[in-house]
């Protein structure tokens, strides 16, 4: 296994890169080498006169991360969740007491 080399990197933006909308995560797996996340979006079929519309879940992005990138994502999400909690956007659920059996 090769040693990780610390490199200085400069961010280069790509304004031409499209954004992908997702309203759910279908799966999240880790195989020991990579973390894979499948992002999906829900779309409704056009309803017929007597039928209810049928929702279908479509994959829109399959993201594959190395373990260091997965850890970086986790840390950044924790920071974002903390800011969202402080601003009142989300409310932290109290942890239920553990029972000893």
PDB file of N, CA and C in Angstrom:
ATOM      1  N   UNK A   1       0.836  -1.177   0.000  1.00  0.00           N
ATOM      2  CA  UNK A   1       0.000   0.000   0.000  1.00  0.00           C
ATOM      3  C   UNK A   1       0.879   1.238   0.000  1.00  0.00           C
ATOM      4  N   UNK A   2       0.510   2.220  -0.812  1.00  0.00           N
ATOM      5  CA  UNK A   2       1.303   3.427  -0.915  1.00  0.00           C
ATOM      6  C   UNK A   2       0.980   4.383   0.231  1.00  0.00           C
ATOM      7  N   UNK A   3       2.004   5.131   0.653  1.00  0.00           N
ATOM      8  CA  UNK A   3       1.785   6.139   1.677  1.00  0.00           C
ATOM      9  C   UNK A   3       1.110   7.346   1.048  1.00  0.00           C
ATOM     10  N   UNK A   4       0.225   7.968   1.792  1.00  0.00           N
ATOM     11  CA  UNK A   4      -0.441   9.173   1.321  1.00  0.00           C
ATOM     12  C   UNK A   4       0.558  10.320   1.351  1.00  0.00           C
ATOM     13  N   UNK A   5       0.622  11.052   0.262  1.00  0.00           N
ATOM     14  CA  UNK A   5       1.518  12.195   0.172  1.00  0.00           C
ATOM     15  C   UNK A   5       0.691  13.451   0.398  1.00  0.00           C
ATOM     16  N   UNK A   6       1.153  14.314   1.305  1.00  0.00           N
ATOM     17  CA  UNK A   6       0.444  15.571   1.537  1.00  0.00           C
ATOM     18  C   UNK A   6       0.745  16.522   0.398  1.00  0.00           C
ATOM     19  N   UNK A   7      -0.284  16.883  -0.332  1.00  0.00           N
ATOM     20  CA  UNK A   7      -0.152  17.788  -1.456  1.00  0.00           C
ATOM     21  C   UNK A   7      -0.955  19.044  -1.192  1.00  0.00           C
ATOM     22  N   UNK A   8      -0.407  20.161  -1.641  1.00  0.00           N
ATOM     23  CA  UNK A   8      -1.185  21.394  -1.598  1.00  0.00           C
ATOM     24  C   UNK A   8      -2.078  21.390  -2.829  1.00  0.00           C
ATOM     25  N   UNK A   9      -3.343  21.699  -2.645  1.00  0.00           N
ATOM     26  CA  UNK A   9      -4.239  21.725  -3.785  1.00  0.00           C
ATOM     27  C   UNK A   9      -4.976  23.051  -3.838  1.00  0.00           C
ATOM     28  N   UNK A  10      -5.211  23.507  -5.032  1.00  0.00           N
ATOM     29  CA  UNK A  10      -5.963  24.733  -5.265  1.00  0.00           C
ATOM     30  C   UNK A  10      -7.293  24.364  -5.903  1.00  0.00           C
ATOM     31  N   UNK A  11      -8.376  24.941  -5.380  1.00  0.00           N
ATOM     32  CA  UNK A  11      -9.700  24.684  -5.907  1.00  0.00           C
ATOM     33  C   UNK A  11      -9.874  25.437  -7.223  1.00  0.00           C
ATOM     34  N   UNK A  12     -10.344  24.724  -8.241  1.00  0.00           N
ATOM     35  CA  UNK A  12     -10.647  25.335  -9.530  1.00  0.00           C
ATOM     36  C   UNK A  12     -12.133  25.097  -9.788  1.00  0.00           C
ATOM     37  N   UNK A  13     -12.922  26.166  -9.778  1.00  0.00           N
ATOM     38  CA  UNK A  13     -14.366  26.037  -9.969  1.00  0.00           C
ATOM     39  C   UNK A  13     -14.684  25.716 -11.422  1.00  0.00           C
ATOM     40  N   UNK A  14     -15.787  25.003 -11.614  1.00  0.00           N
ATOM     41  CA  UNK A  14     -16.286  24.694 -12.957  1.00  0.00           C
ATOM     42  C   UNK A  14     -17.733  25.151 -13.036  1.00  0.00           C
ATOM     43  N   UNK A  15     -17.983  26.390 -13.443  1.00  0.00           N
ATOM     44  CA  UNK A  15     -19.357  26.895 -13.516  1.00  0.00           C
ATOM     45  C   UNK A  15     -20.234  26.102 -14.482  1.00  0.00           C
ATOM     46  N   UNK A  16     -19.633  25.356 -15.404  1.00  0.00           N
ATOM     47  CA  UNK A  16     -20.403  24.573 -16.373  1.00  0.00           C
ATOM     48  C   UNK A  16     -20.922  23.262 -15.782  1.00  0.00           C
ATOM     49  N   UNK A  17     -20.503  22.914 -14.575  1.00  0.00           N
ATOM     50  CA  UNK A  17     -20.918  21.663 -13.945  1.00  0.00           C
ATOM     51  C   UNK A  17     -22.375  21.764 -13.503  1.00  0.00           C
ATOM     52  N   UNK A  18     -23.204  20.846 -13.967  1.00  0.00           N
ATOM     53  CA  UNK A  18     -24.628  20.858 -13.627  1.00  0.00           C
ATOM     54  C   UNK A  18     -24.845  20.428 -12.189  1.00  0.00           C
ATOM     55  N   UNK A  19     -25.900  20.977 -11.576  1.00  0.00           N
ATOM     56  CA  UNK A  19     -26.339  20.536 -10.260  1.00  0.00           C
ATOM     57  C   UNK A  19     -27.329  19.391 -10.435  1.00  0.00           C
ATOM     58  N   UNK A  20     -27.361  18.498  -9.459  1.00  0.00           N
ATOM     59  CA  UNK A  20     -28.292  17.379  -9.475  1.00  0.00           C
ATOM     60  C   UNK A  20     -29.186  17.480  -8.252  1.00  0.00           C
ATOM     61  N   UNK A  21     -30.507  17.469  -8.465  1.00  0.00           N
ATOM     62  CA  UNK A  21     -31.463  17.534  -7.366  1.00  0.00           C
ATOM     63  C   UNK A  21     -31.780  16.125  -6.873  1.00  0.00           C
ATOM     64  N   UNK A  22     -31.841  15.975  -5.560  1.00  0.00           N
ATOM     65  CA  UNK A  22     -32.231  14.711  -4.952  1.00  0.00           C
ATOM     66  C   UNK A  22     -33.138  15.005  -3.772  1.00  0.00           C
ATOM     67  N   UNK A  23     -34.182  14.170  -3.593  1.00  0.00           N
ATOM     68  CA  UNK A  23     -35.036  14.336  -2.424  1.00  0.00           C
ATOM     69  C   UNK A  23     -34.959  13.146  -1.475  1.00  0.00           C
ATOM     70  N   UNK A  24     -34.076  12.181  -1.777  1.00  0.00           N
ATOM     71  CA  UNK A  24     -33.918  11.039  -0.881  1.00  0.00           C
ATOM     72  C   UNK A  24     -32.613  10.301  -1.176  1.00  0.00           C
ATOM     73  N   UNK A  25     -32.210   9.503  -0.209  1.00  0.00           N
ATOM     74  CA  UNK A  25     -31.053   8.619  -0.378  1.00  0.00           C
ATOM     75  C   UNK A  25     -31.583   7.199  -0.333  1.00  0.00           C
ATOM     76  N   UNK A  26     -31.349   6.459  -1.398  1.00  0.00           N
ATOM     77  CA  UNK A  26     -31.858   5.085  -1.513  1.00  0.00           C
ATOM     78  C   UNK A  26     -30.980   4.104  -0.744  1.00  0.00           C
ATOM     79  N   UNK A  27     -29.655   4.274  -0.885  1.00  0.00           N
ATOM     80  CA  UNK A  27     -28.757   3.333  -0.205  1.00  0.00           C
ATOM     81  C   UNK A  27     -27.444   4.006   0.130  1.00  0.00           C
ATOM     82  N   UNK A  28     -26.806   3.444   1.142  1.00  0.00           N
ATOM     83  CA  UNK A  28     -25.502   3.902   1.593  1.00  0.00           C
ATOM     84  C   UNK A  28     -24.741   2.658   2.025  1.00  0.00           C
ATOM     85  N   UNK A  29     -23.621   2.374   1.363  1.00  0.00           N
ATOM     86  CA  UNK A  29     -22.861   1.168   1.689  1.00  0.00           C
ATOM     87  C   UNK A  29     -21.376   1.491   1.805  1.00  0.00           C
ATOM     88  N   UNK A  30     -20.687   0.676   2.566  1.00  0.00           N
ATOM     89  CA  UNK A  30     -19.234   0.773   2.683  1.00  0.00           C
ATOM     90  C   UNK A  30     -18.670  -0.631   2.558  1.00  0.00           C
ATOM     91  N   UNK A  31     -17.775  -0.832   1.593  1.00  0.00           N
ATOM     92  CA  UNK A  31     -17.227  -2.159   1.341  1.00  0.00           C
ATOM     93  C   UNK A  31     -15.807  -2.341   1.888  1.00  0.00           C
ATOM     94  N   UNK A  32     -15.359  -1.395   2.710  1.00  0.00           N
ATOM     95  CA  UNK A  32     -14.006  -1.455   3.248  1.00  0.00           C
ATOM     96  C   UNK A  32     -13.038  -0.566   2.480  1.00  0.00           C
ATOM     97  N   UNK A  33     -13.377  -0.235   1.256  1.00  0.00           N
ATOM     98  CA  UNK A  33     -12.524   0.607   0.416  1.00  0.00           C
ATOM     99  C   UNK A  33     -13.207   1.891  -0.026  1.00  0.00           C
ATOM    100  N   UNK A  34     -14.518   1.809  -0.257  1.00  0.00           N
ATOM    101  CA  UNK A  34     -15.265   2.973  -0.738  1.00  0.00           C
ATOM    102  C   UNK A  34     -16.641   3.041  -0.088  1.00  0.00           C
ATOM    103  N   UNK A  35     -17.129   4.269   0.086  1.00  0.00           N
ATOM    104  CA  UNK A  35     -18.494   4.476   0.529  1.00  0.00           C
ATOM    105  C   UNK A  35     -19.293   4.881  -0.699  1.00  0.00           C
ATOM    106  N   UNK A  36     -20.419   4.215  -0.916  1.00  0.00           N
ATOM    107  CA  UNK A  36     -21.265   4.489  -2.079  1.00  0.00           C
ATOM    108  C   UNK A  36     -22.619   4.997  -1.590  1.00  0.00           C
ATOM    109  N   UNK A  37     -23.040   6.114  -2.178  1.00  0.00           N
ATOM    110  CA  UNK A  37     -24.331   6.709  -1.836  1.00  0.00           C
ATOM    111  C   UNK A  37     -25.143   6.835  -3.120  1.00  0.00           C
ATOM    112  N   UNK A  38     -26.380   6.316  -3.092  1.00  0.00           N
ATOM    113  CA  UNK A  38     -27.264   6.478  -4.246  1.00  0.00           C
ATOM    114  C   UNK A  38     -28.337   7.502  -3.894  1.00  0.00           C
ATOM    115  N   UNK A  39     -28.308   8.618  -4.586  1.00  0.00           N
ATOM    116  CA  UNK A  39     -29.284   9.682  -4.416  1.00  0.00           C
ATOM    117  C   UNK A  39     -30.420   9.468  -5.410  1.00  0.00           C
ATOM    118  N   UNK A  40     -31.647   9.726  -4.966  1.00  0.00           N
ATOM    119  CA  UNK A  40     -32.822   9.526  -5.826  1.00  0.00           C
ATOM    120  C   UNK A  40     -33.733  10.736  -5.773  1.00  0.00           C
ATOM    121  N   UNK A  41     -34.656  10.769  -6.713  1.00  0.00           N
ATOM    122  CA  UNK A  41     -35.722  11.759  -6.722  1.00  0.00           C
ATOM    123  C   UNK A  41     -37.042  11.058  -7.002  1.00  0.00           C
ATOM    124  N   UNK A  42     -38.109  11.594  -6.429  1.00  0.00           N
ATOM    125  CA  UNK A  42     -39.441  11.026  -6.609  1.00  0.00           C
ATOM    126  C   UNK A  42     -40.158  11.781  -7.716  1.00  0.00           C
ATOM    127  N   UNK A  43     -40.746  11.026  -8.608  1.00  0.00           N
ATOM    128  CA  UNK A  43     -41.525  11.626  -9.691  1.00  0.00           C
ATOM    129  C   UNK A  43     -42.881  10.943  -9.737  1.00  0.00           C
ATOM    130  N   UNK A  44     -43.903  11.727 -10.041  1.00  0.00           N
ATOM    131  CA  UNK A  44     -45.262  11.206 -10.132  1.00  0.00           C
ATOM    132  C   UNK A  44     -45.644  10.995 -11.585  1.00  0.00           C
ATOM    133  N   UNK A  45     -46.267   9.844 -11.859  1.00  0.00           N
ATOM    134  CA  UNK A  45     -46.846   9.612 -13.188  1.00  0.00           C
ATOM    135  C   UNK A  45     -48.057  10.523 -13.356  1.00  0.00           C
ATOM    136  N   UNK A  46     -48.366  10.836 -14.591  1.00  0.00           N
ATOM    137  CA  UNK A  46     -49.585  11.600 -14.866  1.00  0.00           C
ATOM    138  C   UNK A  46     -50.785  10.738 -14.464  1.00  0.00           C
ATOM    139  N   UNK A  47     -51.662  11.259 -13.617  1.00  0.00           N
ATOM    140  CA  UNK A  47     -52.809  10.442 -13.210  1.00  0.00           C
ATOM    141  C   UNK A  47     -53.809  10.284 -14.354  1.00  0.00           C
ATOM    142  N   UNK A  48     -54.358   9.107 -14.436  1.00  0.00           N
ATOM    143  CA  UNK A  48     -55.454   8.875 -15.376  1.00  0.00           C
ATOM    144  C   UNK A  48     -56.727   9.366 -14.700  1.00  0.00           C
ATOM    145  N   UNK A  49     -57.828   9.368 -15.377  1.00  0.00           N
ATOM    146  CA  UNK A  49     -59.047   9.976 -14.836  1.00  0.00           C
ATOM    147  C   UNK A  49     -59.484   9.366 -13.511  1.00  0.00           C
ATOM    148  N   UNK A  50     -59.377   8.066 -13.367  1.00  0.00           N
ATOM    149  CA  UNK A  50     -59.882   7.432 -12.145  1.00  0.00           C
ATOM    150  C   UNK A  50     -58.780   6.927 -11.222  1.00  0.00           C
ATOM    151  N   UNK A  51     -57.557   6.972 -11.669  1.00  0.00           N
ATOM    152  CA  UNK A  51     -56.456   6.409 -10.879  1.00  0.00           C
ATOM    153  C   UNK A  51     -55.761   7.476 -10.044  1.00  0.00           C
ATOM    154  N   UNK A  52     -55.198   7.015  -8.953  1.00  0.00           N
ATOM    155  CA  UNK A  52     -54.318   7.856  -8.158  1.00  0.00           C
ATOM    156  C   UNK A  52     -52.978   7.929  -8.877  1.00  0.00           C
ATOM    157  N   UNK A  53     -52.271   9.057  -8.780  1.00  0.00           N
ATOM    158  CA  UNK A  53     -50.938   9.103  -9.381  1.00  0.00           C
ATOM    159  C   UNK A  53     -50.011   8.108  -8.673  1.00  0.00           C
ATOM    160  N   UNK A  54     -49.093   7.552  -9.418  1.00  0.00           N
ATOM    161  CA  UNK A  54     -48.144   6.588  -8.867  1.00  0.00           C
ATOM    162  C   UNK A  54     -46.774   7.258  -8.778  1.00  0.00           C
ATOM    163  N   UNK A  55     -46.187   7.194  -7.595  1.00  0.00           N
ATOM    164  CA  UNK A  55     -44.856   7.762  -7.390  1.00  0.00           C
ATOM    165  C   UNK A  55     -43.800   6.723  -7.756  1.00  0.00           C
ATOM    166  N   UNK A  56     -42.778   7.173  -8.451  1.00  0.00           N
ATOM    167  CA  UNK A  56     -41.649   6.320  -8.789  1.00  0.00           C
ATOM    168  C   UNK A  56     -40.374   6.996  -8.300  1.00  0.00           C
ATOM    169  N   UNK A  57     -39.452   6.178  -7.815  1.00  0.00           N
ATOM    170  CA  UNK A  57     -38.176   6.653  -7.304  1.00  0.00           C
ATOM    171  C   UNK A  57     -37.110   6.395  -8.355  1.00  0.00           C
ATOM    172  N   UNK A  58     -36.444   7.458  -8.814  1.00  0.00           N
ATOM    173  CA  UNK A  58     -35.430   7.339  -9.855  1.00  0.00           C
ATOM    174  C   UNK A  58     -34.048   7.703  -9.296  1.00  0.00           C
ATOM    175  N   UNK A  59     -33.029   6.908  -9.593  1.00  0.00           N
ATOM    176  CA  UNK A  59     -31.678   7.311  -9.194  1.00  0.00           C
ATOM    177  C   UNK A  59     -31.234   8.509 -10.034  1.00  0.00           C
ATOM    178  N   UNK A  60     -30.597   9.478  -9.381  1.00  0.00           N
ATOM    179  CA  UNK A  60     -30.106  10.652 -10.090  1.00  0.00           C
ATOM    180  C   UNK A  60     -28.596  10.828  -9.955  1.00  0.00           C
ATOM    181  N   UNK A  61     -27.995  10.140  -8.957  1.00  0.00           N
ATOM    182  CA  UNK A  61     -26.548  10.254  -8.761  1.00  0.00           C
ATOM    183  C   UNK A  61     -26.068   9.074  -7.929  1.00  0.00           C
ATOM    184  N   UNK A  62     -24.969   8.497  -8.337  1.00  0.00           N
ATOM    185  CA  UNK A  62     -24.293   7.469  -7.540  1.00  0.00           C
ATOM    186  C   UNK A  62     -22.923   8.028  -7.182  1.00  0.00           C
ATOM    187  N   UNK A  63     -22.761   8.387  -5.916  1.00  0.00           N
ATOM    188  CA  UNK A  63     -21.538   9.024  -5.448  1.00  0.00           C
ATOM    189  C   UNK A  63     -20.658   7.988  -4.769  1.00  0.00           C
ATOM    190  N   UNK A  64     -19.388   7.926  -5.143  1.00  0.00           N
ATOM    191  CA  UNK A  64     -18.442   6.981  -4.567  1.00  0.00           C
ATOM    192  C   UNK A  64     -17.314   7.785  -3.919  1.00  0.00           C
ATOM    193  N   UNK A  65     -17.070   7.529  -2.620  1.00  0.00           N
ATOM    194  CA  UNK A  65     -16.074   8.281  -1.853  1.00  0.00           C
ATOM    195  C   UNK A  65     -15.021   7.356  -1.258  1.00  0.00           C
ATOM    196  N   UNK A  66     -13.807   7.852  -1.174  1.00  0.00           N
ATOM    197  CA  UNK A  66     -12.755   7.147  -0.440  1.00  0.00           C
ATOM    198  C   UNK A  66     -13.034   7.319   1.055  1.00  0.00           C
ATOM    199  N   UNK A  67     -12.446   6.491   1.910  1.00  0.00           N
ATOM    200  CA  UNK A  67     -12.668   6.683   3.351  1.00  0.00           C
ATOM    201  C   UNK A  67     -12.325   8.100   3.842  1.00  0.00           C
ATOM    202  N   UNK A  68     -11.189   8.712   3.432  1.00  0.00           N
ATOM    203  CA  UNK A  68     -10.936  10.081   3.903  1.00  0.00           C
ATOM    204  C   UNK A  68     -11.998  11.079   3.427  1.00  0.00           C
ATOM    205  N   UNK A  69     -12.496  10.910   2.210  1.00  0.00           N
ATOM    206  CA  UNK A  69     -13.542  11.808   1.718  1.00  0.00           C
ATOM    207  C   UNK A  69     -14.840  11.583   2.475  1.00  0.00           C
ATOM    208  N   UNK A  70     -15.142  10.328   2.840  1.00  0.00           N
ATOM    209  CA  UNK A  70     -16.350  10.021   3.618  1.00  0.00           C
ATOM    210  C   UNK A  70     -16.259  10.669   5.000  1.00  0.00           C
ATOM    211  N   UNK A  71     -15.085  10.624   5.621  1.00  0.00           N
ATOM    212  CA  UNK A  71     -14.881  11.256   6.926  1.00  0.00           C
ATOM    213  C   UNK A  71     -15.034  12.773   6.799  1.00  0.00           C
ATOM    214  N   UNK A  72     -14.492  13.340   5.729  1.00  0.00           N
ATOM    215  CA  UNK A  72     -14.611  14.777   5.485  1.00  0.00           C
ATOM    216  C   UNK A  72     -16.084  15.164   5.311  1.00  0.00           C
ATOM    217  N   UNK A  73     -16.837  14.363   4.561  1.00  0.00           N
ATOM    218  CA  UNK A  73     -18.266  14.606   4.384  1.00  0.00           C
ATOM    219  C   UNK A  73     -18.983  14.548   5.728  1.00  0.00           C
ATOM    220  N   UNK A  74     -18.686  13.538   6.535  1.00  0.00           N
ATOM    221  CA  UNK A  74     -19.299  13.394   7.858  1.00  0.00           C
ATOM    222  C   UNK A  74     -19.031  14.632   8.712  1.00  0.00           C
ATOM    223  N   UNK A  75     -17.782  15.083   8.759  1.00  0.00           N
ATOM    224  CA  UNK A  75     -17.423  16.242   9.580  1.00  0.00           C
ATOM    225  C   UNK A  75     -18.121  17.512   9.094  1.00  0.00           C
ATOM    226  N   UNK A  76     -18.176  17.701   7.791  1.00  0.00           N
ATOM    227  CA  UNK A  76     -18.833  18.894   7.250  1.00  0.00           C
ATOM    228  C   UNK A  76     -20.343  18.849   7.488  1.00  0.00           C
ATOM    229  N   UNK A  77     -20.943  17.663   7.400  1.00  0.00           N
ATOM    230  CA  UNK A  77     -22.371  17.536   7.694  1.00  0.00           C
ATOM    231  C   UNK A  77     -22.652  17.822   9.165  1.00  0.00           C
ATOM    232  N   UNK A  78     -21.776  17.367  10.060  1.00  0.00           N
ATOM    233  CA  UNK A  78     -21.954  17.666  11.483  1.00  0.00           C
ATOM    234  C   UNK A  78     -21.909  19.166  11.730  1.00  0.00           C
ATOM    235  N   UNK A  79     -20.971  19.860  11.079  1.00  0.00           N
ATOM    236  CA  UNK A  79     -20.866  21.311  11.224  1.00  0.00           C
ATOM    237  C   UNK A  79     -22.140  21.991  10.707  1.00  0.00           C
ATOM    238  N   UNK A  80     -22.616  21.553   9.550  1.00  0.00           N
ATOM    239  CA  UNK A  80     -23.826  22.126   8.968  1.00  0.00           C
ATOM    240  C   UNK A  80     -25.039  21.878   9.858  1.00  0.00           C
ATOM    241  N   UNK A  81     -25.172  20.663  10.388  1.00  0.00           N
ATOM    242  CA  UNK A  81     -26.295  20.337  11.267  1.00  0.00           C
ATOM    243  C   UNK A  81     -26.258  21.201  12.533  1.00  0.00           C
ATOM    244  N   UNK A  82     -25.078  21.464  13.042  1.00  0.00           N
ATOM    245  CA  UNK A  82     -24.939  22.311  14.226  1.00  0.00           C
ATOM    246  C   UNK A  82     -25.419  23.735  13.925  1.00  0.00           C
ATOM    247  N   UNK A  83     -25.040  24.262  12.773  1.00  0.00           N
ATOM    248  CA  UNK A  83     -25.478  25.605  12.374  1.00  0.00           C
ATOM    249  C   UNK A  83     -26.993  25.623  12.180  1.00  0.00           C
ATOM    250  N   UNK A  84     -27.535  24.590  11.557  1.00  0.00           N
ATOM    251  CA  UNK A  84     -28.980  24.519  11.335  1.00  0.00           C
ATOM    252  C   UNK A  84     -29.736  24.428  12.659  1.00  0.00           C
ATOM    253  N   UNK A  85     -29.173  23.701  13.620  1.00  0.00           N
ATOM    254  CA  UNK A  85     -29.801  23.588  14.938  1.00  0.00           C
ATOM    255  C   UNK A  85     -29.754  24.925  15.667  1.00  0.00           C
ATOM    256  N   UNK A  86     -28.616  25.611  15.618  1.00  0.00           N
ATOM    257  CA  UNK A  86     -28.474  26.902  16.283  1.00  0.00           C
ATOM    258  C   UNK A  86     -29.412  27.948  15.696  1.00  0.00           C
ATOM    259  N   UNK A  87     -29.683  27.842  14.387  1.00  0.00           N
ATOM    260  CA  UNK A  87     -30.566  28.821  13.743  1.00  0.00           C
ATOM    261  C   UNK A  87     -32.035  28.421  13.851  1.00  0.00           C
ATOM    262  N   UNK A  88     -32.327  27.264  14.450  1.00  0.00           N
ATOM    263  CA  UNK A  88     -33.697  26.843  14.664  1.00  0.00           C
ATOM    264  C   UNK A  88     -34.341  26.127  13.490  1.00  0.00           C
ATOM    265  N   UNK A  89     -33.572  25.818  12.455  1.00  0.00           N
ATOM    266  CA  UNK A  89     -34.114  25.118  11.287  1.00  0.00           C
ATOM    267  C   UNK A  89     -34.468  23.683  11.638  1.00  0.00           C
ATOM    268  N   UNK A  90     -33.635  23.056  12.461  1.00  0.00           N
ATOM    269  CA  UNK A  90     -33.902  21.695  12.918  1.00  0.00           C
ATOM    270  C   UNK A  90     -33.833  21.668  14.439  1.00  0.00           C
ATOM    271  N   UNK A  91     -34.457  20.654  15.015  1.00  0.00           N
ATOM    272  CA  UNK A  91     -34.447  20.491  16.471  1.00  0.00           C
ATOM    273  C   UNK A  91     -33.848  19.137  16.796  1.00  0.00           C
ATOM    274  N   UNK A  92     -32.889  19.119  17.691  1.00  0.00           N
ATOM    275  CA  UNK A  92     -32.242  17.876  18.088  1.00  0.00           C
ATOM    276  C   UNK A  92     -33.181  17.065  18.967  1.00  0.00           C
ATOM    277  N   UNK A  93     -33.341  15.789  18.623  1.00  0.00           N
ATOM    278  CA  UNK A  93     -34.168  14.885  19.419  1.00  0.00           C
ATOM    279  C   UNK A  93     -33.385  14.465  20.670  1.00  0.00           C
ATOM    280  N   UNK A  94     -34.038  14.489  21.850  1.00  0.00           N
ATOM    281  CA  UNK A  94     -33.336  14.017  23.044  1.00  0.00           C
ATOM    282  C   UNK A  94     -33.050  12.526  22.949  1.00  0.00           C
ATOM    283  N   UNK A  95     -31.898  12.132  23.442  1.00  0.00           N
ATOM    284  CA  UNK A  95     -31.519  10.721  23.430  1.00  0.00           C
ATOM    285  C   UNK A  95     -32.305   9.994  24.514  1.00  0.00           C
ATOM    286  N   UNK A  96     -33.022   8.912  24.153  1.00  0.00           N
ATOM    287  CA  UNK A  96     -33.778   8.194  25.185  1.00  0.00           C
ATOM    288  C   UNK A  96     -32.818   7.522  26.163  1.00  0.00           C
ATOM    289  N   UNK A  97     -33.225   7.429  27.429  1.00  0.00           N
ATOM    290  CA  UNK A  97     -32.353   6.790  28.423  1.00  0.00           C
ATOM    291  C   UNK A  97     -32.169   5.315  28.091  1.00  0.00           C
ATOM    292  N   UNK A  98     -30.953   4.828  28.336  1.00  0.00           N
ATOM    293  CA  UNK A  98     -30.652   3.416  28.096  1.00  0.00           C
ATOM    294  C   UNK A  98     -31.126   2.595  29.276  1.00  0.00           C
ATOM    295  N   UNK A  99     -31.670   1.438  28.966  1.00  0.00           N
ATOM    296  CA  UNK A  99     -32.099   0.540  30.029  1.00  0.00           C
ATOM    297  C   UNK A  99     -31.121  -0.623  30.127  1.00  0.00           C
ATOM    298  N   UNK A 100     -30.818  -0.997  31.356  1.00  0.00           N
ATOM    299  CA  UNK A 100     -29.909  -2.119  31.598  1.00  0.00           C
ATOM    300  C   UNK A 100     -30.747  -3.354  31.825  1.00  0.00           C
ATOM    301  N   UNK A 101     -30.388  -4.428  31.133  1.00  0.00           N
ATOM    302  CA  UNK A 101     -31.153  -5.664  31.279  1.00  0.00           C
ATOM    303  C   UNK A 101     -30.430  -6.651  32.146  1.00  0.00           C
TER     304      UNK A 101
END
